[in-house]
């Protein structure tokens, strides 16, 4: 693996931005403020900000590469490779693909989830970002519980979320636009979809016991769990009691406060920050951040959002860059149990982003190093190479 040096940048060391140089060796950060002589690749970071790679624990924008239009499918491997390019070019070096495994056929079906997991595992060596599987389990999907428990026990699932969209699905049946969107992604006729929902909704009494069994399996396997769209403090407490320590998109401030009081990680969507509010009309993420009720921002449905959100928080005077960047790097790494990344420090995985932030709210990624490899570079003149000594080459 090629050694890399980065010189003359402003680096985020701890929570402060300081002038620094660093060296990368064998995929990890070797030294800070070290002489840069001897590295095979040298990056000039003059005028740039040097930051830890972004850790994205919930992103489903890859679905648009798989099905860019309703009923129009592309191969999963093509979609994953393209999604990897998009993620890395936006500074994301660790990706959890949030995959919905539902009772629906089509895009969010069991077959699709299985194929996606197998494709991630097979393609992982070729992808620039560290790519992992975040399973979003629809709790009414009782038919596949045993299979999902086997995957959890085998630790093939990186993160495991409990989703319950049944109420919103039923409510959307009377809203033609929303109903048609759901119908289109399943490949069913409208009447077939209505009959399927009517059949699945009768399973309500069996759902709590299924959640308990799945949570027990995940706990034993050491897989971190999330609950999605918690609606009340009572719901958050109930999930916490089963070892679900991440509150993902709590829908109101009371629930977020309960999560914070219980020491839970709290996830909101970075697009919410960038756009100035939720597209669903729910909690405004920047308000929650200002009140100390958010520890993680995720890309959700838009890969450029984490980078843009961090800098919008700075521009709006809500957080300094060190703390804002923590929401998209150190915070999600900690929530996901990844202690080897999220900071520029010796021994940490060498996931590093070089950003031109000379234009407020319009940061531009210039270079990305992932696990010690230069995987993205937009300004070639910042890179110089040094030929290896003959003796070393002969070895």
Protein backbone atom coordinates (compact mmCIF):
# COMPACT_ATOMS: atom_id res chain seq x y z
CA UNK A 1 0.00 0.00 0.00
CA UNK A 2 1.36 3.40 -1.02
CA UNK A 3 2.48 5.82 1.70
CA UNK A 4 0.90 9.27 1.39
CA UNK A 5 1.81 12.60 2.91
CA UNK A 6 -0.50 15.61 3.23
CA UNK A 7 1.15 18.94 3.85
CA UNK A 8 0.24 22.60 4.47
CA UNK A 9 -3.45 22.15 5.25
CA UNK A 10 -5.68 23.14 8.15
CA UNK A 11 -6.54 19.91 9.91
CA UNK A 12 -9.34 19.10 12.32
CA UNK A 13 -7.36 17.80 15.27
CA UNK A 14 -9.72 17.03 18.12
CA UNK A 15 -12.28 19.82 17.88
CA UNK A 16 -9.90 22.53 16.63
CA UNK A 17 -8.66 23.51 13.18
CA UNK A 18 -4.88 23.85 13.22
CA UNK A 19 -2.12 24.03 10.64
CA UNK A 20 -0.87 20.51 10.25
CA UNK A 21 0.77 17.91 8.06
CA UNK A 22 0.24 14.18 8.36
CA UNK A 23 1.49 10.93 6.93
CA UNK A 24 -0.41 7.79 6.02
CA UNK A 25 1.15 4.33 6.04
CA UNK A 26 -0.37 0.86 5.67
CA UNK A 27 -3.87 2.26 5.55
CA UNK A 28 -3.75 4.18 8.82
CA UNK A 29 -2.70 7.64 9.93
CA UNK A 30 0.92 7.28 10.96
CA UNK A 31 2.01 10.66 12.29
CA UNK A 32 0.79 14.23 12.65
CA UNK A 33 3.03 17.26 12.07
CA UNK A 34 5.67 14.95 10.68
CA UNK A 35 8.23 15.56 7.93
CA UNK A 36 6.76 14.57 4.60
CA UNK A 37 9.94 13.27 3.04
CA UNK A 38 9.91 9.73 1.67
CA UNK A 39 6.21 9.21 0.89
CA UNK A 40 5.41 7.82 -2.55
CA UNK A 41 2.55 10.29 -2.96
CA UNK A 42 2.54 13.85 -1.66
CA UNK A 43 -0.61 15.98 -1.54
CA UNK A 44 -0.36 19.74 -1.20
CA UNK A 45 -3.30 20.83 0.96
CA UNK A 46 -2.43 24.53 0.91
CA UNK A 47 -5.65 26.53 1.26
CA UNK A 48 -7.67 23.39 2.01
CA UNK A 49 -9.28 21.98 5.14
CA UNK A 50 -8.26 18.43 6.06
CA UNK A 51 -11.07 16.47 7.71
CA UNK A 52 -11.90 12.91 8.79
CA UNK A 53 -13.92 10.94 6.26
CA UNK A 54 -17.70 11.10 6.51
CA UNK A 55 -19.44 8.08 8.06
CA UNK A 56 -22.96 7.69 6.66
CA UNK A 57 -25.04 5.26 8.70
CA UNK A 58 -28.29 5.70 6.76
CA UNK A 59 -28.34 6.35 3.04
CA UNK A 60 -30.80 4.97 0.50
CA UNK A 61 -29.97 7.12 -2.52
CA UNK A 62 -28.63 3.95 -4.14
CA UNK A 63 -32.28 2.99 -4.77
CA UNK A 64 -32.38 5.66 -7.48
CA UNK A 65 -29.49 3.97 -9.24
CA UNK A 66 -31.36 0.65 -9.08
CA UNK A 67 -34.72 2.07 -10.16
CA UNK A 68 -34.29 5.60 -11.57
CA UNK A 69 -37.90 5.53 -12.75
CA UNK A 70 -40.79 3.46 -11.49
CA UNK A 71 -40.60 0.06 -13.16
CA UNK A 72 -37.19 0.77 -14.76
CA UNK A 73 -34.55 -1.52 -13.24
CA UNK A 74 -30.76 -1.53 -13.59
CA UNK A 75 -28.38 -4.27 -12.44
CA UNK A 76 -27.51 -4.09 -8.75
CA UNK A 77 -23.76 -4.21 -9.36
CA UNK A 78 -23.99 -1.24 -11.73
CA UNK A 79 -26.07 0.66 -9.20
CA UNK A 80 -23.66 -0.04 -6.34
CA UNK A 81 -20.57 0.99 -8.28
CA UNK A 82 -22.22 4.24 -9.38
CA UNK A 83 -23.46 4.93 -5.85
CA UNK A 84 -19.92 4.35 -4.57
CA UNK A 85 -18.59 6.99 -6.96
CA UNK A 86 -21.20 9.48 -5.82
CA UNK A 87 -20.63 8.82 -2.13
CA UNK A 88 -16.84 9.11 -2.29
CA UNK A 89 -16.90 12.25 -4.42
CA UNK A 90 -18.95 13.84 -1.62
CA UNK A 91 -16.45 12.86 1.07
CA UNK A 92 -18.27 9.75 2.34
CA UNK A 93 -15.74 7.03 3.13
CA UNK A 94 -17.96 4.67 5.16
CA UNK A 95 -21.39 3.83 3.75
CA UNK A 96 -24.22 1.88 5.31
CA UNK A 97 -26.69 1.19 2.51
CA UNK A 98 -30.08 1.42 4.21
CA UNK A 99 -32.02 -1.39 2.57
CA UNK A 100 -35.72 -1.83 3.26
CA UNK A 101 -36.74 -5.49 3.62
CA UNK A 102 -40.49 -5.33 3.47
CA UNK A 103 -43.61 -7.40 2.95
CA UNK A 104 -43.88 -5.64 -0.42
CA UNK A 105 -42.72 -7.19 -3.69
CA UNK A 106 -40.53 -5.14 -6.05
CA UNK A 107 -37.91 -2.59 -5.03
CA UNK A 108 -38.22 -3.25 -1.29
CA UNK A 109 -38.82 -6.98 -1.45
CA UNK A 110 -37.03 -9.83 0.28
CA UNK A 111 -35.49 -10.94 -3.02
CA UNK A 112 -34.12 -7.50 -3.69
CA UNK A 113 -32.65 -7.22 -0.18
CA UNK A 114 -30.99 -10.62 -0.49
CA UNK A 115 -29.48 -9.72 -3.85
CA UNK A 116 -28.25 -6.39 -2.52
CA UNK A 117 -26.57 -7.98 0.49
CA UNK A 118 -24.83 -10.55 -1.70
CA UNK A 119 -23.77 -7.85 -4.16
CA UNK A 120 -22.31 -5.67 -1.38
CA UNK A 121 -20.37 -8.62 0.01
CA UNK A 122 -19.09 -9.59 -3.44
CA UNK A 123 -18.23 -6.09 -4.63
CA UNK A 124 -16.75 -4.81 -1.35
CA UNK A 125 -13.09 -5.21 -2.45
CA UNK A 126 -13.78 -3.14 -5.57
CA UNK A 127 -15.59 -0.28 -3.86
CA UNK A 128 -13.72 2.80 -2.66
CA UNK A 129 -15.90 3.41 0.40
CA UNK A 130 -16.13 0.90 3.22
CA UNK A 131 -19.58 -0.38 2.24
CA UNK A 132 -21.89 -2.12 4.72
CA UNK A 133 -25.46 -3.38 4.93
CA UNK A 134 -28.04 -1.53 7.04
CA UNK A 135 -31.19 -3.62 7.13
CA UNK A 136 -34.40 -1.65 7.58
CA UNK A 137 -36.82 -4.33 8.73
CA UNK A 138 -40.50 -3.60 8.23
CA UNK A 139 -41.96 -5.04 11.42
CA UNK A 140 -45.05 -6.46 9.68
CA UNK A 141 -42.77 -8.61 7.52
CA UNK A 142 -43.26 -11.69 9.67
CA UNK A 143 -42.69 -14.20 6.86
CA UNK A 144 -38.95 -13.53 6.71
CA UNK A 145 -38.21 -13.26 10.43
CA UNK A 146 -36.32 -16.56 10.69
CA UNK A 147 -34.09 -15.74 7.72
CA UNK A 148 -33.31 -12.29 9.09
CA UNK A 149 -32.43 -13.76 12.48
CA UNK A 150 -29.98 -16.09 10.76
CA UNK A 151 -28.33 -13.15 9.00
CA UNK A 152 -28.09 -11.27 12.29
CA UNK A 153 -26.55 -14.26 14.06
CA UNK A 154 -24.00 -14.58 11.26
CA UNK A 155 -23.17 -10.87 11.62
CA UNK A 156 -23.78 -10.24 7.93
CA UNK A 157 -25.88 -7.18 8.87
CA UNK A 158 -23.96 -4.05 9.87
CA UNK A 159 -26.89 -2.14 11.39
CA UNK A 160 -30.44 -3.29 12.05
CA UNK A 161 -33.42 -0.92 12.13
CA UNK A 162 -37.03 -1.48 13.11
CA UNK A 163 -39.39 0.28 10.70
CA UNK A 164 -43.17 0.42 10.88
CA UNK A 165 -44.77 2.22 7.96
CA UNK A 166 -48.05 0.36 8.11
CA UNK A 167 -50.13 3.26 9.44
CA UNK A 168 -48.78 5.65 6.81
CA UNK A 169 -49.32 3.01 4.11
CA UNK A 170 -52.96 2.57 5.07
CA UNK A 171 -53.43 6.34 5.30
CA UNK A 172 -51.93 6.79 1.82
CA UNK A 173 -54.47 4.47 0.19
CA UNK A 174 -56.89 7.42 0.07
CA UNK A 175 -54.28 9.73 -1.47
CA UNK A 176 -54.02 8.92 -5.19
CA UNK A 177 -50.52 10.32 -5.78
CA UNK A 178 -48.92 8.56 -2.78
CA UNK A 179 -50.83 5.35 -3.41
CA UNK A 180 -49.71 5.22 -7.02
CA UNK A 181 -46.08 5.75 -6.04
CA UNK A 182 -46.27 2.77 -3.69
CA UNK A 183 -48.06 0.65 -6.28
CA UNK A 184 -45.48 1.48 -8.96
CA UNK A 185 -42.49 0.35 -6.89
CA UNK A 186 -44.14 -3.03 -6.16
CA UNK A 187 -44.99 -3.94 -9.75
CA UNK A 188 -48.52 -4.92 -8.68
CA UNK A 189 -51.82 -3.68 -9.99
CA UNK A 190 -53.72 -1.27 -7.79
CA UNK A 191 -56.24 -3.91 -6.75
CA UNK A 192 -53.50 -6.43 -5.96
CA UNK A 193 -51.71 -3.89 -3.78
CA UNK A 194 -54.88 -3.06 -1.87
CA UNK A 195 -55.54 -6.74 -1.17
CA UNK A 196 -51.94 -7.24 -0.02
CA UNK A 197 -52.14 -4.33 2.44
CA UNK A 198 -55.48 -5.60 3.78
CA UNK A 199 -53.95 -9.02 4.39
CA UNK A 200 -50.73 -7.77 6.00
CA UNK A 201 -52.43 -5.31 8.35
CA UNK A 202 -54.20 -8.20 10.09
CA UNK A 203 -50.82 -9.34 11.49
CA UNK A 204 -50.64 -6.55 14.05
CA UNK A 205 -51.01 -8.79 17.11
CA UNK A 206 -47.96 -10.86 16.14
CA UNK A 207 -45.63 -7.90 15.58
CA UNK A 208 -44.46 -7.15 19.16
CA UNK A 209 -43.30 -10.71 19.80
CA UNK A 210 -41.44 -10.72 16.49
CA UNK A 211 -39.66 -7.48 17.41
CA UNK A 212 -38.61 -8.99 20.73
CA UNK A 213 -37.16 -12.11 19.09
CA UNK A 214 -35.24 -10.12 16.50
CA UNK A 215 -33.89 -7.70 19.10
CA UNK A 216 -32.70 -10.58 21.25
CA UNK A 217 -30.86 -12.11 18.30
CA UNK A 218 -29.25 -8.79 17.40
CA UNK A 219 -28.14 -8.19 21.00
CA UNK A 220 -26.51 -11.60 21.20
CA UNK A 221 -24.71 -10.99 17.90
CA UNK A 222 -23.55 -7.53 18.94
CA UNK A 223 -25.33 -5.81 16.05
CA UNK A 224 -26.27 -2.18 16.77
CA UNK A 225 -29.99 -1.46 16.44
CA UNK A 226 -32.06 1.58 15.48
CA UNK A 227 -35.74 2.42 15.81
CA UNK A 228 -37.11 4.50 12.97
CA UNK A 229 -39.52 7.42 13.35
CA UNK A 230 -40.15 7.02 17.08
CA UNK A 231 -43.40 8.87 17.77
CA UNK A 232 -43.33 9.22 21.55
CA UNK A 233 -41.08 9.00 24.61
CA UNK A 234 -42.90 5.77 25.51
CA UNK A 235 -41.98 4.21 22.17
CA UNK A 236 -38.34 5.23 22.62
CA UNK A 237 -38.22 3.78 26.14
CA UNK A 238 -39.75 0.53 24.92
CA UNK A 239 -37.15 0.13 22.19
CA UNK A 240 -34.31 1.12 24.53
CA UNK A 241 -35.41 -1.59 26.96
CA UNK A 242 -34.76 -4.11 24.18
CA UNK A 243 -31.26 -2.83 23.49
CA UNK A 244 -32.14 -0.47 20.64
CA UNK A 245 -29.74 2.36 21.37
CA UNK A 246 -30.12 4.57 18.29
CA UNK A 247 -33.17 6.80 17.77
CA UNK A 248 -33.45 7.40 14.04
CA UNK A 249 -35.49 10.43 13.00
CA UNK A 250 -37.60 10.92 16.15
CA UNK A 251 -40.67 12.80 14.98
CA UNK A 252 -40.94 15.36 17.79
CA UNK A 253 -38.83 17.13 20.38
CA UNK A 254 -40.28 15.24 23.35
CA UNK A 255 -39.12 11.95 21.90
CA UNK A 256 -35.69 13.37 21.07
CA UNK A 257 -35.35 14.61 24.66
CA UNK A 258 -36.20 11.14 25.96
CA UNK A 259 -33.53 9.69 23.70
CA UNK A 260 -30.95 12.20 24.93
CA UNK A 261 -31.86 11.58 28.59
CA UNK A 262 -31.35 7.86 28.04
CA UNK A 263 -27.95 8.31 26.43
CA UNK A 264 -29.13 7.15 23.00
CA UNK A 265 -27.58 8.24 19.73
CA UNK A 266 -30.01 10.51 17.86
CA UNK A 267 -30.04 10.58 14.06
CA UNK A 268 -31.55 13.23 11.83
CA UNK A 269 -31.34 13.70 8.09
CA UNK A 270 -28.68 15.97 6.65
CA UNK A 271 -31.06 17.01 3.81
CA UNK A 272 -33.33 18.42 6.53
CA UNK A 273 -30.51 20.78 7.57
CA UNK A 274 -29.57 21.74 4.01
CA UNK A 275 -33.16 22.48 2.99
CA UNK A 276 -34.03 24.28 6.21
CA UNK A 277 -36.60 21.73 7.37
CA UNK A 278 -38.15 18.31 6.87
CA UNK A 279 -39.87 17.52 3.59
CA UNK A 280 -42.49 15.66 5.67
CA UNK A 281 -43.20 18.66 7.91
CA UNK A 282 -41.78 16.94 10.99
CA UNK A 283 -38.92 17.96 13.27
CA UNK A 284 -36.54 20.66 12.03
CA UNK A 285 -33.09 19.13 12.42
CA UNK A 286 -31.18 22.39 12.89
CA UNK A 287 -33.41 23.25 15.85
CA UNK A 288 -32.70 19.88 17.42
CA UNK A 289 -28.96 20.37 16.86
CA UNK A 290 -29.05 23.81 18.48
CA UNK A 291 -30.73 22.23 21.52
CA UNK A 292 -28.16 19.43 21.76
CA UNK A 293 -30.68 16.80 20.64
CA UNK A 294 -28.79 15.34 17.66
CA UNK A 295 -25.57 13.33 17.59
CA UNK A 296 -25.64 12.03 14.00
CA UNK A 297 -26.58 13.42 10.59
CA UNK A 298 -27.13 10.93 7.76
CA UNK A 299 -27.36 11.39 4.01
CA UNK A 300 -30.84 9.82 4.03
CA UNK A 301 -31.73 10.15 0.33
CA UNK A 302 -29.02 12.57 -0.95
CA UNK A 303 -25.28 11.88 -0.85
CA UNK A 304 -24.10 15.52 -1.05
CA UNK A 305 -26.15 16.44 2.04
CA UNK A 306 -23.77 15.60 4.95
CA UNK A 307 -20.97 17.80 3.61
CA UNK A 308 -23.36 20.64 2.82
CA UNK A 309 -25.16 20.31 6.15
CA UNK A 310 -21.98 20.64 8.21
CA UNK A 311 -21.08 23.88 6.47
CA UNK A 312 -24.62 25.24 6.65
CA UNK A 313 -24.56 24.74 10.43
CA UNK A 314 -21.40 26.86 10.50
CA UNK A 315 -22.80 29.54 8.20
CA UNK A 316 -25.99 29.76 10.27
CA UNK A 317 -23.99 30.20 13.47
CA UNK A 318 -25.37 27.02 15.04
CA UNK A 319 -22.07 25.14 15.50
CA UNK A 320 -18.38 25.66 14.81
CA UNK A 321 -16.97 23.40 12.12
CA UNK A 322 -15.33 20.97 14.54
CA UNK A 323 -18.63 20.16 16.24
CA UNK A 324 -20.62 20.25 13.01
CA UNK A 325 -18.22 17.82 11.38
CA UNK A 326 -18.51 15.55 14.40
CA UNK A 327 -22.16 14.99 13.49
CA UNK A 328 -21.14 13.38 10.19
CA UNK A 329 -17.90 11.66 11.20
CA UNK A 330 -17.06 10.94 14.85
CA UNK A 331 -20.73 10.83 15.95
CA UNK A 332 -21.94 8.23 13.46
CA UNK A 333 -18.74 6.21 13.85
CA UNK A 334 -19.39 6.00 17.59
CA UNK A 335 -23.07 5.14 17.09
CA UNK A 336 -22.16 2.32 14.72
CA UNK A 337 -19.44 0.98 17.03
CA UNK A 338 -16.58 1.87 14.67
CA UNK A 339 -13.80 3.01 17.00
CA UNK A 340 -11.13 3.06 14.28
CA UNK A 341 -12.39 6.12 12.38
CA UNK A 342 -13.95 9.56 12.74
CA UNK A 343 -10.82 11.45 13.84
CA UNK A 344 -7.44 12.54 12.49
CA UNK A 345 -5.18 10.77 14.96
CA UNK A 346 -2.31 8.27 14.82
CA UNK A 347 -3.56 4.71 14.49
CA UNK A 348 -6.93 5.71 13.06
CA UNK A 349 -8.04 4.35 9.70
CA UNK A 350 -6.80 6.75 7.02
CA UNK A 351 -10.15 8.10 5.81
CA UNK A 352 -9.40 11.71 4.96
CA UNK A 353 -11.19 14.43 2.99
CA UNK A 354 -9.58 17.59 1.61
CA UNK A 355 -12.13 20.37 1.20
CA UNK A 356 -12.01 23.77 -0.47
CA UNK A 357 -14.34 25.77 1.77
CA UNK A 358 -13.48 29.22 0.47
CA UNK A 359 -17.11 29.76 -0.58
CA UNK A 360 -19.49 29.76 2.41
CA UNK A 361 -22.11 26.98 2.21
CA UNK A 362 -20.59 25.63 -1.00
CA UNK A 363 -17.73 23.36 0.13
CA UNK A 364 -16.01 21.41 -2.63
CA UNK A 365 -14.28 18.08 -2.15
CA UNK A 366 -10.84 18.19 -3.75
CA UNK A 367 -9.39 14.85 -2.64
CA UNK A 368 -10.46 11.76 -0.72
CA UNK A 369 -8.30 9.09 0.85
CA UNK A 370 -10.12 5.92 1.94
CA UNK A 371 -8.28 3.28 4.00
CA UNK A 372 -4.99 4.81 2.87
CA UNK A 373 -5.81 4.86 -0.85
CA UNK A 374 -6.23 8.01 -2.91
CA UNK A 375 -9.67 7.37 -4.43
CA UNK A 376 -10.75 10.83 -5.60
CA UNK A 377 -8.80 13.85 -6.83
CA UNK A 378 -10.07 16.87 -8.75
CA UNK A 379 -6.88 18.97 -8.89
CA UNK A 380 -4.05 16.86 -10.23
CA UNK A 381 -1.47 19.61 -9.74
CA UNK A 382 -1.73 19.12 -5.97
CA UNK A 383 -0.23 15.65 -6.30
CA UNK A 384 3.43 14.83 -6.71
CA UNK A 385 5.04 11.41 -6.72
CA UNK A 386 8.38 10.23 -5.55
CA UNK A 387 10.05 7.26 -7.17
CA UNK A 388 10.95 4.45 -4.77
CA UNK A 389 14.69 3.95 -4.07
CA UNK A 390 16.28 1.22 -6.18
CA UNK A 391 17.09 -0.90 -3.14
CA UNK A 392 13.50 -0.78 -1.95
CA UNK A 393 12.22 -1.51 -5.44
CA UNK A 394 14.48 -4.55 -5.69
CA UNK A 395 13.02 -6.01 -2.51
